[in-house]
Amino acid sequence: MELLDRELDGRGLLPELWERIGTDSDLAAPVSIPAAHVSVSPPALVTAAAGQAGSRDDDTDMVVVPCRVHGRLRFVHVPRRVVLASGLAGLAASALPAPPAHAAAAAADIASPVEHFAQLRRVMVQTDSLIGPRHVLPALQPHLAHLASRRRTSRGSDAAALLSLETRYEELAGWLAQDIGDERTAQGHTARALDASHIAGDTQLTAYILGRKAQLAGDTGHPADALGLAMAARRTALPGSRLEVIALVHQAHAHAVLGDATDALTTYDTALTLLSRADSDGTWGSWLTEGYITTARARSLAALGKYEQAAAGFDAAIASLPPIYRRERGVHLARSARAHAGTGNVSLAAQIGLQAVGIAAETGSARIISQLDRLDQALVPAIKQDGVAEFHAALDQIVLHVD
């Protein structure tokens, strides 16, 4: 499933790349675009924060950013100096320089490394929910390296606990990379998480990572793979556990994307039934609620073309979402807007989409931007209707442009 970067030639996008741009996945593998192909919006703005991000003048320091390429939005590798000069300096934060060597030595002096790294992970999860992945992933990566180093020199129960934490760090890094739009990096971290879970001998952790791989496969346009991984996650999970419910949710959406409406909706019903019986152990799926499953069902209804039901589900989810889940609010708004566009309510879709653009600019979430790309394409025939041109212009201002 891992896809290699592809570059532009002098004539524009390679034919096979253009075919992939037209796919209906939430995310697609980023491609490399040389600086010569990227147009920047004057004036060149470089903020102090961007300067601290470690800008260099060469074209080897690349970041993954959303670009408008022949009218579609794609996540591409672009030289960071180009991003810094574009006025979209916040997008450059996804590639920070490596920490100094003394930082690793300091980490080695931690008295209680398991609790230290566990607390750091909790803070990063909360921060990601609020501001998105672009600032969190660069902060996580050096801690992951320190954790792996400490684990290799530990023995006994400490080594086992650190390995379990390392698995969770790898999974979180995969999630953050996915939400930046970097499929290749997301696949790498998630694969390492799965390997580590097997080494740890933690079957339930393995079930959780298989579920994440199913989610990643589905979001990147591989629904058949997503279905197989979700079924594997369910087989691995304890029967009747929340992990089984999570696997069922991923399985249901894969059915929907594959066009199997009956199997999708039946699987969601099964998930809701199991959830009503499942006990919370405080570790897995504490966030899993009936509302979460209902929102997931709305996404699948949209994939099945049942836009009115999908829009109602997303609107209910938005109304009940706690403020701390800022990025998730943007995802729900973007999906709601697309569903409303599917019902023919173009003005409302543009209005809701405009709200999602603001959150996409704050968080840099690829999941939001990918949905906004689909909305943008759906609204092309209605460009003269109220709010549509405003939405399109706002979306244009938060992405780079490729000539």
Protein backbone atom coordinates (compact mmCIF):
# COMPACT_ATOMS: atom_id res chain seq x y z
CA MET A 1 0.00 0.00 0.00
CA GLU A 2 2.98 2.29 0.37
CA LEU A 3 3.29 4.67 -2.57
CA LEU A 4 6.49 6.37 -3.63
CA ASP A 5 6.81 10.07 -4.34
CA ARG A 6 6.41 11.17 -7.94
CA GLU A 7 7.84 14.30 -9.42
CA LEU A 8 6.60 16.65 -12.09
CA ASP A 9 8.28 16.73 -15.43
CA GLY A 10 8.55 19.84 -17.59
CA ARG A 11 5.17 19.22 -19.21
CA GLY A 12 3.19 19.15 -15.97
CA LEU A 13 1.76 16.24 -14.01
CA LEU A 14 2.57 12.72 -15.06
CA PRO A 15 -0.51 10.98 -16.52
CA GLU A 16 -0.66 8.30 -13.85
CA LEU A 17 -0.42 10.95 -11.15
CA TRP A 18 -3.29 12.90 -12.63
CA GLU A 19 -5.40 9.74 -12.55
CA ARG A 20 -4.65 9.39 -8.84
CA ILE A 21 -5.58 13.00 -8.16
CA GLY A 22 -9.07 12.24 -9.36
CA THR A 23 -9.63 9.44 -6.83
CA ASP A 24 -12.21 9.79 -4.08
CA SER A 25 -10.00 8.98 -1.10
CA ASP A 26 -9.81 11.33 1.87
CA LEU A 27 -6.04 11.44 1.50
CA ALA A 28 -3.61 10.51 -1.22
CA ALA A 29 0.12 9.93 -1.14
CA PRO A 30 2.05 13.19 -1.37
CA VAL A 31 4.13 13.90 -4.45
CA SER A 32 7.29 15.97 -4.80
CA ILE A 33 7.04 19.28 -6.59
CA PRO A 34 10.16 21.30 -7.39
CA ALA A 35 10.23 24.93 -6.31
CA ALA A 36 10.10 26.09 -9.93
CA HIS A 37 6.54 24.77 -10.25
CA VAL A 38 5.19 26.48 -7.15
CA SER A 39 3.74 29.96 -7.35
CA VAL A 40 3.93 32.03 -4.17
CA SER A 41 1.65 34.85 -3.20
CA PRO A 42 3.38 38.21 -2.64
CA PRO A 43 4.38 39.74 -0.38
CA ALA A 44 6.75 37.15 1.05
CA LEU A 45 5.95 36.88 4.75
CA VAL A 46 8.34 35.17 7.12
CA THR A 47 7.28 35.37 10.73
CA ALA A 48 9.52 34.96 13.73
CA ALA A 49 7.81 31.67 14.53
CA ALA A 50 8.51 30.41 11.03
CA GLY A 51 12.13 31.37 11.39
CA GLN A 52 12.34 29.23 14.50
CA ALA A 53 11.07 26.31 12.44
CA GLY A 54 14.54 25.85 11.07
CA SER A 55 14.34 27.25 7.54
CA ARG A 56 17.17 26.50 5.15
CA ASP A 57 17.90 27.91 1.71
CA ASP A 58 18.31 24.60 -0.10
CA ASP A 59 15.63 22.47 -1.72
CA THR A 60 16.37 19.29 0.24
CA ASP A 61 14.37 20.39 3.31
CA MET A 62 10.86 19.40 2.27
CA VAL A 63 7.49 19.68 3.96
CA VAL A 64 4.13 18.20 2.98
CA VAL A 65 1.60 20.94 2.27
CA PRO A 66 -1.73 21.28 0.46
CA CYS A 67 -1.33 22.58 -3.10
CA ARG A 68 -3.83 23.44 -5.79
CA VAL A 69 -2.70 21.44 -8.82
CA HIS A 70 -4.72 21.90 -12.01
CA GLY A 71 -7.77 22.85 -9.97
CA ARG A 72 -7.56 20.00 -7.41
CA LEU A 73 -6.02 19.99 -3.94
CA ARG A 74 -3.14 17.59 -3.39
CA PHE A 75 -0.65 17.07 -0.57
CA VAL A 76 2.82 17.52 -1.98
CA HIS A 77 6.43 17.71 -0.85
CA VAL A 78 7.58 21.31 -1.33
CA PRO A 79 10.86 22.99 -0.28
CA ARG A 80 10.24 24.60 3.09
CA ARG A 81 11.84 27.86 1.98
CA VAL A 82 9.08 28.19 -0.62
CA VAL A 83 6.40 27.70 2.02
CA LEU A 84 8.03 30.25 4.29
CA ALA A 85 8.07 32.78 1.46
CA SER A 86 4.45 32.18 0.54
CA GLY A 87 2.76 33.81 3.49
CA LEU A 88 1.61 30.37 4.71
CA ALA A 89 4.48 29.96 7.15
CA GLY A 90 2.41 27.91 9.59
CA LEU A 91 2.51 25.01 7.12
CA ALA A 92 6.29 24.87 7.46
CA ALA A 93 6.13 23.79 11.09
CA SER A 94 5.89 20.11 10.15
CA ALA A 95 9.65 19.77 9.75
CA LEU A 96 11.76 20.97 12.65
CA PRO A 97 15.51 20.47 12.92
CA ALA A 98 16.74 17.54 14.97
CA PRO A 99 17.17 18.29 18.69
CA PRO A 100 20.70 18.81 20.02
CA ALA A 101 22.55 15.78 21.29
CA HIS A 102 22.39 16.96 24.91
CA ALA A 103 18.57 16.61 24.81
CA ALA A 104 18.91 12.82 24.56
CA ALA A 105 21.34 12.83 27.48
CA ALA A 106 18.86 14.83 29.54
CA ALA A 107 16.13 12.30 28.77
CA ALA A 108 18.38 9.53 30.07
CA ASP A 109 18.36 11.16 33.53
CA ILE A 110 14.58 10.92 33.94
CA ALA A 111 13.80 9.23 37.26
CA SER A 112 10.50 7.64 36.16
CA PRO A 113 10.70 7.26 32.36
CA VAL A 114 7.47 5.28 31.96
CA GLU A 115 5.34 7.91 33.68
CA HIS A 116 7.29 10.71 32.01
CA PHE A 117 6.71 9.45 28.49
CA ALA A 118 3.11 8.46 29.26
CA GLN A 119 2.35 11.98 30.49
CA LEU A 120 4.03 13.54 27.45
CA ARG A 121 1.87 11.43 25.18
CA ARG A 122 -1.31 12.47 26.98
CA VAL A 123 -0.39 16.13 26.58
CA MET A 124 0.36 15.71 22.87
CA VAL A 125 -2.95 13.91 22.24
CA GLN A 126 -4.84 16.77 23.90
CA THR A 127 -2.84 19.39 22.02
CA ASP A 128 -3.46 17.67 18.69
CA SER A 129 -7.21 17.76 19.30
CA LEU A 130 -7.02 21.51 19.82
CA ILE A 131 -4.48 22.80 17.29
CA GLY A 132 -3.86 19.95 14.87
CA PRO A 133 -0.80 17.92 13.92
CA ARG A 134 1.70 20.32 12.35
CA HIS A 135 3.16 21.52 15.62
CA VAL A 136 2.62 18.29 17.54
CA LEU A 137 4.39 15.83 15.21
CA PRO A 138 7.73 17.69 15.28
CA ALA A 139 7.51 17.75 19.07
CA LEU A 140 6.68 14.04 19.26
CA GLN A 141 9.44 12.72 17.01
CA PRO A 142 12.45 13.52 19.24
CA HIS A 143 10.60 12.13 22.27
CA LEU A 144 9.91 8.94 20.32
CA ALA A 145 13.63 8.65 19.55
CA HIS A 146 14.52 9.19 23.22
CA LEU A 147 11.92 6.65 24.31
CA ALA A 148 13.26 4.02 21.89
CA SER A 149 16.81 4.68 23.09
CA ARG A 150 15.80 4.33 26.73
CA ARG A 151 13.85 1.15 25.99
CA ARG A 152 16.87 -0.50 24.35
CA THR A 153 18.97 -0.02 27.47
CA SER A 154 16.26 -1.16 29.89
CA ARG A 155 15.51 -4.64 31.11
CA GLY A 156 12.62 -6.51 32.71
CA SER A 157 9.34 -4.79 33.46
CA ASP A 158 10.68 -1.34 32.56
CA ALA A 159 11.64 -2.52 29.09
CA ALA A 160 8.20 -4.09 28.59
CA ALA A 161 6.39 -0.95 29.73
CA LEU A 162 8.55 1.28 27.53
CA LEU A 163 7.97 -0.99 24.52
CA SER A 164 4.23 -0.70 25.03
CA LEU A 165 4.58 3.09 25.19
CA GLU A 166 6.80 3.10 22.12
CA THR A 167 4.05 1.27 20.24
CA ARG A 168 1.55 3.95 21.25
CA TYR A 169 3.97 6.72 20.25
CA GLU A 170 4.45 5.13 16.83
CA GLU A 171 0.68 4.84 16.39
CA LEU A 172 0.20 8.48 17.39
CA ALA A 173 2.96 9.59 15.02
CA GLY A 174 1.20 7.70 12.25
CA TRP A 175 -2.06 9.45 13.06
CA LEU A 176 -0.39 12.87 13.05
CA ALA A 177 1.40 12.18 9.77
CA GLN A 178 -1.88 11.06 8.24
CA ASP A 179 -3.55 14.28 9.32
CA ILE A 180 -0.74 16.30 7.75
CA GLY A 181 -1.36 14.47 4.48
CA ASP A 182 1.87 12.46 4.45
CA GLU A 183 0.62 8.96 3.68
CA ARG A 184 4.06 7.39 3.34
CA THR A 185 5.20 8.55 6.78
CA ALA A 186 1.87 7.54 8.29
CA GLN A 187 2.19 4.05 6.81
CA GLY A 188 5.73 3.72 8.15
CA HIS A 189 4.90 4.71 11.72
CA THR A 190 1.77 2.55 11.80
CA ALA A 191 3.63 -0.47 10.44
CA ARG A 192 6.31 -0.05 13.11
CA ALA A 193 3.59 0.20 15.73
CA LEU A 194 2.11 -3.10 14.55
CA ASP A 195 5.53 -4.79 14.65
CA ALA A 196 6.18 -3.47 18.16
CA SER A 197 2.79 -4.69 19.39
CA HIS A 198 3.67 -8.22 18.23
CA ILE A 199 7.07 -8.03 19.94
CA ALA A 200 5.35 -6.85 23.12
CA GLY A 201 2.96 -9.79 22.93
CA ASP A 202 0.04 -7.47 23.62
CA THR A 203 -2.86 -8.93 21.63
CA GLN A 204 -5.23 -6.08 22.42
CA LEU A 205 -2.70 -3.49 21.36
CA THR A 206 -2.26 -5.44 18.13
CA ALA A 207 -6.03 -5.36 17.59
CA TYR A 208 -6.05 -1.60 18.08
CA ILE A 209 -3.18 -1.04 15.62
CA LEU A 210 -4.87 -3.28 13.04
CA GLY A 211 -7.92 -1.06 13.40
CA ARG A 212 -5.77 2.00 12.81
CA LYS A 213 -4.28 0.40 9.72
CA ALA A 214 -7.81 -0.27 8.51
CA GLN A 215 -8.73 3.36 9.08
CA LEU A 216 -5.61 4.56 7.28
CA ALA A 217 -6.25 2.24 4.33
CA GLY A 218 -9.81 3.44 4.03
CA ASP A 219 -8.88 7.11 4.27
CA THR A 220 -6.21 6.76 1.61
CA GLY A 221 -8.37 5.07 -1.00
CA HIS A 222 -7.85 1.35 -0.33
CA PRO A 223 -11.27 0.14 0.89
CA ALA A 224 -10.68 -3.55 0.11
CA ASP A 225 -7.51 -3.47 2.23
CA ALA A 226 -9.42 -1.57 4.90
CA LEU A 227 -12.08 -4.28 5.01
CA GLY A 228 -9.52 -7.06 5.38
CA LEU A 229 -7.61 -5.22 8.11
CA ALA A 230 -10.80 -4.38 10.00
CA MET A 231 -11.88 -8.02 9.93
CA ALA A 232 -8.42 -9.02 11.18
CA ALA A 233 -8.73 -6.47 13.99
CA ARG A 234 -12.09 -7.94 14.99
CA ARG A 235 -10.70 -11.49 15.01
CA THR A 236 -7.81 -10.34 17.21
CA ALA A 237 -9.87 -8.33 19.70
CA LEU A 238 -11.49 -9.88 22.73
CA PRO A 239 -15.10 -10.80 21.84
CA GLY A 240 -17.52 -8.21 23.17
CA SER A 241 -14.80 -5.66 23.93
CA ARG A 242 -14.66 -2.04 22.85
CA LEU A 243 -11.81 -3.01 20.55
CA GLU A 244 -14.20 -5.30 18.69
CA VAL A 245 -16.63 -2.39 18.38
CA ILE A 246 -13.88 -0.17 16.95
CA ALA A 247 -13.03 -2.85 14.40
CA LEU A 248 -16.69 -3.11 13.43
CA VAL A 249 -16.91 0.64 12.81
CA HIS A 250 -13.95 0.47 10.41
CA GLN A 251 -15.41 -2.64 8.78
CA ALA A 252 -18.79 -0.93 8.27
CA HIS A 253 -17.26 2.09 6.56
CA ALA A 254 -15.18 -0.11 4.28
CA HIS A 255 -18.39 -1.88 3.23
CA ALA A 256 -19.96 1.52 2.50
CA VAL A 257 -17.07 2.76 0.36
CA LEU A 258 -17.23 -0.53 -1.55
CA GLY A 259 -20.93 0.14 -2.18
CA ASP A 260 -22.31 -2.59 0.09
CA ALA A 261 -25.09 -0.62 1.80
CA THR A 262 -26.78 -3.55 3.50
CA ASP A 263 -23.56 -4.93 4.96
CA ALA A 264 -22.48 -1.45 6.08
CA LEU A 265 -25.67 -0.56 7.93
CA THR A 266 -26.04 -4.04 9.42
CA THR A 267 -22.48 -3.85 10.75
CA TYR A 268 -23.17 -0.46 12.35
CA ASP A 269 -26.24 -1.98 14.07
CA THR A 270 -24.04 -4.78 15.38
CA ALA A 271 -21.50 -2.25 16.65
CA LEU A 272 -24.18 -0.33 18.54
CA THR A 273 -25.52 -3.53 20.08
CA LEU A 274 -22.06 -4.63 21.21
CA LEU A 275 -21.25 -1.17 22.59
CA SER A 276 -24.32 -1.29 24.84
CA ARG A 277 -22.88 -4.43 26.47
CA ALA A 278 -19.16 -3.63 26.44
CA ASP A 279 -17.48 -2.56 29.66
CA SER A 280 -15.00 0.30 29.69
CA ASP A 281 -11.62 -0.80 30.99
CA GLY A 282 -10.25 2.75 30.95
CA THR A 283 -7.67 1.86 28.31
CA TRP A 284 -9.33 1.14 24.99
CA GLY A 285 -11.97 3.24 23.32
CA SER A 286 -12.87 5.51 26.24
CA TRP A 287 -14.00 7.96 23.56
CA LEU A 288 -16.26 5.37 21.93
CA THR A 289 -19.88 6.39 22.38
CA GLU A 290 -23.17 5.88 20.60
CA GLY A 291 -22.73 9.40 19.20
CA TYR A 292 -19.34 8.47 17.77
CA ILE A 293 -20.82 5.48 15.95
CA THR A 294 -23.75 7.57 14.71
CA THR A 295 -21.30 10.12 13.28
CA ALA A 296 -19.30 7.33 11.62
CA ARG A 297 -22.54 6.03 10.15
CA ALA A 298 -23.25 9.51 8.73
CA ARG A 299 -19.92 9.42 6.94
CA SER A 300 -20.80 6.05 5.45
CA LEU A 301 -24.24 7.29 4.43
CA ALA A 302 -22.54 10.08 2.51
CA ALA A 303 -20.29 7.52 0.80
CA LEU A 304 -23.44 5.64 -0.18
CA GLY A 305 -25.02 8.79 -1.62
CA LYS A 306 -27.64 9.11 1.14
CA TYR A 307 -26.87 12.79 1.63
CA GLU A 308 -29.94 13.95 3.56
CA GLN A 309 -29.43 11.34 6.29
CA ALA A 310 -25.70 12.05 6.31
CA ALA A 311 -26.20 15.81 6.68
CA ALA A 312 -28.57 15.31 9.60
CA GLY A 313 -26.04 13.03 11.31
CA PHE A 314 -23.15 15.46 10.89
CA ASP A 315 -25.19 18.45 12.05
CA ALA A 316 -26.15 16.57 15.22
CA ALA A 317 -22.51 15.63 15.81
CA ILE A 318 -21.36 19.23 15.44
CA ALA A 319 -23.96 20.45 17.92
CA SER A 320 -22.80 17.98 20.59
CA LEU A 321 -19.01 18.18 20.09
CA PRO A 322 -17.07 19.64 23.06
CA PRO A 323 -15.06 22.81 22.20
CA ILE A 324 -11.72 21.13 22.92
CA TYR A 325 -12.14 18.98 19.79
CA ARG A 326 -11.42 21.87 17.48
CA ARG A 327 -9.91 19.86 14.64
CA GLU A 328 -12.70 17.27 14.75
CA ARG A 329 -15.24 20.08 14.53
CA GLY A 330 -13.56 21.15 11.29
CA VAL A 331 -13.72 17.60 9.93
CA HIS A 332 -17.43 17.33 10.77
CA LEU A 333 -18.14 20.77 9.28
CA ALA A 334 -16.39 19.87 6.02
CA ARG A 335 -18.23 16.55 5.76
CA SER A 336 -21.53 18.22 6.63
CA ALA A 337 -20.98 20.84 3.94
CA ARG A 338 -20.30 18.16 1.36
CA ALA A 339 -23.43 16.26 2.38
CA HIS A 340 -25.56 19.42 2.13
CA ALA A 341 -24.10 20.04 -1.32
CA GLY A 342 -25.22 16.54 -2.22
CA THR A 343 -28.79 17.43 -1.24
CA GLY A 344 -28.68 20.47 -3.52
CA ASN A 345 -28.54 23.06 -0.71
CA VAL A 346 -25.57 24.85 -2.25
CA SER A 347 -25.70 28.10 -0.26
CA LEU A 348 -25.79 26.29 3.08
CA ALA A 349 -22.96 24.01 1.94
CA ALA A 350 -20.81 27.01 1.06
CA GLN A 351 -21.60 28.70 4.37
CA ILE A 352 -20.66 25.63 6.41
CA GLY A 353 -17.63 25.00 4.21
CA LEU A 354 -16.39 28.52 4.93
CA GLN A 355 -16.40 27.75 8.65
CA ALA A 356 -14.37 24.61 7.98
CA VAL A 357 -11.82 26.62 5.97
CA GLY A 358 -11.06 28.69 9.06
CA ILE A 359 -10.36 25.61 11.16
CA ALA A 360 -8.32 24.05 8.35
CA ALA A 361 -6.14 27.17 8.34
CA GLU A 362 -5.65 26.89 12.11
CA THR A 363 -4.89 23.18 12.25
CA GLY A 364 -3.49 22.29 8.82
CA SER A 365 -5.57 19.10 8.93
CA ALA A 366 -5.43 17.11 5.71
CA ARG A 367 -8.68 15.40 6.63
CA ILE A 368 -10.45 18.76 6.58
CA ILE A 369 -8.72 20.01 3.45
CA SER A 370 -9.39 16.81 1.50
CA GLN A 371 -13.10 17.10 2.25
CA LEU A 372 -13.03 20.78 1.27
CA ASP A 373 -11.45 19.80 -2.04
CA ARG A 374 -14.38 17.48 -2.74
CA LEU A 375 -16.80 20.22 -1.73
CA ASP A 376 -15.01 22.70 -3.96
CA GLN A 377 -15.37 20.36 -6.94
CA ALA A 378 -19.03 19.72 -6.17
CA LEU A 379 -19.75 23.46 -6.10
CA VAL A 380 -18.04 24.28 -9.42
CA PRO A 381 -21.32 24.24 -11.41
CA ALA A 382 -22.88 26.60 -8.84
CA ILE A 383 -20.10 29.20 -8.67
CA LYS A 384 -22.59 32.07 -9.11
CA GLN A 385 -24.81 31.04 -6.21
CA ASP A 386 -24.64 32.82 -2.85
CA GLY A 387 -21.47 32.17 -0.91
CA VAL A 388 -19.82 29.79 -3.36
CA ALA A 389 -17.28 32.24 -4.78
CA GLU A 390 -16.45 33.41 -1.27
CA PHE A 391 -15.84 29.82 -0.15
CA HIS A 392 -13.64 29.11 -3.17
CA ALA A 393 -11.58 32.27 -2.61
CA ALA A 394 -11.10 31.50 1.10
CA LEU A 395 -9.96 27.95 0.33
CA ASP A 396 -7.53 29.27 -2.27
CA GLN A 397 -5.86 31.46 0.33
CA ILE A 398 -4.80 28.60 2.62
CA VAL A 399 -3.03 26.44 0.00
CA LEU A 400 -0.05 26.83 -2.27
CA HIS A 401 -0.53 26.92 -6.02
CA VAL A 402 1.26 24.95 -8.73
CA ASP A 403 1.63 26.61 -12.13
